[in-house]
C-alpha atoms as a PDB file:
ATOM      1  CA  MET A   1     105.037 109.646 124.970  1.00  0.00           C
ATOM      2  CA  GLY A   2     102.103 106.902 124.104  1.00  0.00           C
ATOM      3  CA  TYR A   3      99.543 106.757 121.177  1.00  0.00           C
ATOM      4  CA  THR A   4      96.640 107.224 123.626  1.00  0.00           C
ATOM      5  CA  ASN A   5      94.328 109.914 122.587  1.00  0.00           C
ATOM      6  CA  MET A   6      96.945 110.737 119.675  1.00  0.00           C
ATOM      7  CA  LEU A   7      95.762 107.991 117.023  1.00  0.00           C
ATOM      8  CA  GLU A   8      92.417 107.122 115.846  1.00  0.00           C
ATOM      9  CA  LEU A   9      92.174 103.923 113.935  1.00  0.00           C
ATOM     10  CA  LYS A  10      89.800 102.879 111.151  1.00  0.00           C
ATOM     11  CA  MET A  11      89.953  99.133 110.037  1.00  0.00           C
ATOM     12  CA  TYR A  12      88.833  97.803 106.725  1.00  0.00           C
ATOM     13  CA  MET A  13      89.122  93.999 105.933  1.00  0.00           C
ATOM     14  CA  ASN A  14      88.849  93.321 102.101  1.00  0.00           C
ATOM     15  CA  SER A  15      89.388  97.080 101.413  1.00  0.00           C
ATOM     16  CA  ASP A  16      89.019  98.637  97.522  1.00  0.00           C
ATOM     17  CA  ILE A  17      92.959  99.789  98.026  1.00  0.00           C
ATOM     18  CA  THR A  18      93.867  95.982  97.552  1.00  0.00           C
ATOM     19  CA  GLU A  19      93.344  96.507  93.708  1.00  0.00           C
ATOM     20  CA  VAL A  20      95.050  99.459  93.798  1.00  0.00           C
ATOM     21  CA  LEU A  21      98.276  98.218  95.340  1.00  0.00           C
ATOM     22  CA  GLU A  22      98.412  95.261  92.987  1.00  0.00           C
ATOM     23  CA  TRP A  23      98.118  97.510  90.125  1.00  0.00           C
ATOM     24  CA  LYS A  24     100.763 100.337  91.385  1.00  0.00           C
ATOM     25  CA  CYS A  25     103.158  98.609  93.957  1.00  0.00           C
ATOM     26  CA  CYS A  26     105.311  96.104  92.162  1.00  0.00           C
ATOM     27  CA  ASN A  27     102.643  93.578  91.829  1.00  0.00           C
ATOM     28  CA  ILE A  28     102.069  93.259  95.514  1.00  0.00           C
ATOM     29  CA  SER A  29      99.072  91.043  96.040  1.00  0.00           C
ATOM     30  CA  GLY A  30      97.067  89.543  99.188  1.00  0.00           C
ATOM     31  CA  LEU A  31      97.199  92.897 101.042  1.00  0.00           C
ATOM     32  CA  ASN A  32      93.444  92.469 102.479  1.00  0.00           C
ATOM     33  CA  LEU A  33      93.230  94.431 105.713  1.00  0.00           C
ATOM     34  CA  GLU A  34      93.870  98.215 105.531  1.00  0.00           C
ATOM     35  CA  LEU A  35      94.774 100.030 108.564  1.00  0.00           C
ATOM     36  CA  ILE A  36      94.082 104.221 108.550  1.00  0.00           C
ATOM     37  CA  PHE A  37      95.855 105.759 111.337  1.00  0.00           C
ATOM     38  CA  HIS A  38      94.562 109.485 112.014  1.00  0.00           C
ATOM     39  CA  ASN A  39      97.166 111.755 114.195  1.00  0.00           C
ATOM     40  CA  THR A  40      94.952 113.872 116.256  1.00  0.00           C
ATOM     41  CA  SER A  41      97.439 115.306 118.071  1.00  0.00           C
ATOM     42  CA  GLU A  42      99.878 118.389 117.435  1.00  0.00           C
ATOM     43  CA  ASP A  43     103.037 116.303 117.516  1.00  0.00           C
ATOM     44  CA  THR A  44     104.616 114.265 114.782  1.00  0.00           C
ATOM     45  CA  VAL A  45     104.356 110.375 115.819  1.00  0.00           C
ATOM     46  CA  PRO A  46     105.699 107.283 114.297  1.00  0.00           C
ATOM     47  CA  ALA A  47     103.194 104.939 112.534  1.00  0.00           C
ATOM     48  CA  PRO A  48     103.042 101.563 113.891  1.00  0.00           C
ATOM     49  CA  ASN A  49     105.113  98.956 112.100  1.00  0.00           C
ATOM     50  CA  ALA A  50     103.592  96.043 113.494  1.00  0.00           C
ATOM     51  CA  PHE A  51     100.126  95.147 115.792  1.00  0.00           C
ATOM     52  CA  SER A  52      98.651  92.359 117.827  1.00  0.00           C
ATOM     53  CA  LEU A  53      95.306  90.796 117.424  1.00  0.00           C
ATOM     54  CA  VAL A  54      93.552  89.208 120.392  1.00  0.00           C
ATOM     55  CA  ASN A  55      91.252  86.413 120.523  1.00  0.00           C
ATOM     56  CA  ASP A  56      90.091  84.169 123.112  1.00  0.00           C
ATOM     57  CA  LYS A  57      93.105  81.762 122.684  1.00  0.00           C
ATOM     58  CA  GLY A  58      95.676  84.729 123.134  1.00  0.00           C
ATOM     59  CA  LYS A  59      97.614  87.320 121.101  1.00  0.00           C
ATOM     60  CA  ILE A  60      99.358  87.221 117.486  1.00  0.00           C
ATOM     61  CA  MET A  61     101.779  89.669 116.464  1.00  0.00           C
ATOM     62  CA  VAL A  62     101.706  90.816 113.196  1.00  0.00           C
ATOM     63  CA  ASN A  63     104.684  92.302 111.661  1.00  0.00           C
ATOM     64  CA  THR A  64     104.613  91.539 107.875  1.00  0.00           C
ATOM     65  CA  ILE A  65     103.282  95.058 106.930  1.00  0.00           C
ATOM     66  CA  TYR A  66     103.476  97.213 103.869  1.00  0.00           C
ATOM     67  CA  PRO A  67     105.092  99.663 103.851  1.00  0.00           C
ATOM     68  CA  PRO A  68     107.952  98.110 105.580  1.00  0.00           C
ATOM     69  CA  TRP A  69     109.661 101.366 106.069  1.00  0.00           C
ATOM     70  CA  PRO A  70     109.297 103.723 109.085  1.00  0.00           C
ATOM     71  CA  GLN A  71     106.525 106.225 108.677  1.00  0.00           C
ATOM     72  CA  ASP A  72     106.028 109.459 110.436  1.00  0.00           C
ATOM     73  CA  ILE A  73     102.442 110.817 110.669  1.00  0.00           C
ATOM     74  CA  LEU A  74     102.418 114.624 111.088  1.00  0.00           C
ATOM     75  CA  PRO A  75      99.802 116.552 112.914  1.00  0.00           C
ATOM     76  CA  ARG A  76      96.326 116.028 111.981  1.00  0.00           C
ATOM     77  CA  ASP A  77      97.376 113.866 109.002  1.00  0.00           C
ATOM     78  CA  TYR A  78      96.677 110.205 108.277  1.00  0.00           C
ATOM     79  CA  ALA A  79      99.275 107.129 107.512  1.00  0.00           C
ATOM     80  CA  SER A  80      97.885 103.643 106.461  1.00  0.00           C
ATOM     81  CA  ILE A  81      99.548 100.013 106.495  1.00  0.00           C
ATOM     82  CA  TYR A  82      98.369  96.717 105.016  1.00  0.00           C
ATOM     83  CA  CYS A  83      98.935  93.431 105.463  1.00  0.00           C
ATOM     84  CA  ASN A  84      97.626  90.010 104.214  1.00  0.00           C
ATOM     85  CA  MET A  85      95.080  88.875 106.971  1.00  0.00           C
ATOM     86  CA  ASP A  86      93.627  85.436 107.385  1.00  0.00           C
ATOM     87  CA  ASP A  87      89.860  85.867 107.660  1.00  0.00           C
ATOM     88  CA  ILE A  88      89.468  83.406 110.264  1.00  0.00           C
ATOM     89  CA  LEU A  89      91.980  84.977 112.418  1.00  0.00           C
ATOM     90  CA  TRP A  90      90.509  88.400 111.796  1.00  0.00           C
ATOM     91  CA  ASN A  91      86.927  87.243 112.374  1.00  0.00           C
ATOM     92  CA  ASN A  92      88.109  85.541 115.769  1.00  0.00           C
ATOM     93  CA  SER A  93      89.937  88.463 116.793  1.00  0.00           C
ATOM     94  CA  HIS A  94      88.319  91.434 119.047  1.00  0.00           C
ATOM     95  CA  THR A  95      90.995  93.818 119.687  1.00  0.00           C
ATOM     96  CA  LEU A  96      94.094  95.188 117.993  1.00  0.00           C
ATOM     97  CA  ILE A  97      96.932  96.516 119.977  1.00  0.00           C
ATOM     98  CA  ILE A  98      99.424  98.675 119.199  1.00  0.00           C
ATOM     99  CA  LYS A  99     102.609  99.594 120.884  1.00  0.00           C
ATOM    100  CA  ASP A 100     104.565 102.995 121.198  1.00  0.00           C
ATOM    101  CA  GLN A 101     108.581 103.380 120.686  1.00  0.00           C
ATOM    102  CA  HIS A 102     108.453 102.887 124.706  1.00  0.00           C
ATOM    103  CA  GLY A 103     106.398  99.634 124.907  1.00  0.00           C
ATOM    104  CA  ALA A 104     102.961 101.356 126.071  1.00  0.00           C
ATOM    105  CA  GLU A 105     100.083  99.750 124.272  1.00  0.00           C
ATOM    106  CA  THR A 106      96.830 101.312 122.916  1.00  0.00           C
ATOM    107  CA  ARG A 107      93.805  99.043 122.298  1.00  0.00           C
ATOM    108  CA  TYR A 108      91.523  99.228 119.722  1.00  0.00           C
ATOM    109  CA  PRO A 109      88.150  97.081 119.706  1.00  0.00           C
ATOM    110  CA  ILE A 110      87.435  95.645 116.478  1.00  0.00           C
ATOM    111  CA  ASN A 111      83.798  95.854 115.291  1.00  0.00           C
ATOM    112  CA  HIS A 112      83.101  93.232 112.579  1.00  0.00           C
ATOM    113  CA  LYS A 113      80.148  94.668 111.315  1.00  0.00           C
END
């Protein structure tokens, strides 16, 4: 089962959550990109543990995320992942891609507003 029509995604570069994670979570710093996934389906789905960014030069895999352990997203629930993202790479990217456990891709356009 793919993620298509199952996960909505909100992306926040330089999110305020960075300060919370630095304070609460073992002095983790530099996590400036927050991805919030909303499971809109009636099935539990695994949260992505990596993603790719697409820009005019190609596709870049990002797999250094927090939390590094597997997460399941219950029906109608939310899960977030965080990473340290280079501002230039982010600003030059136009699409974020996640893959489900079977390798099927779901693409999300990046809105830089």
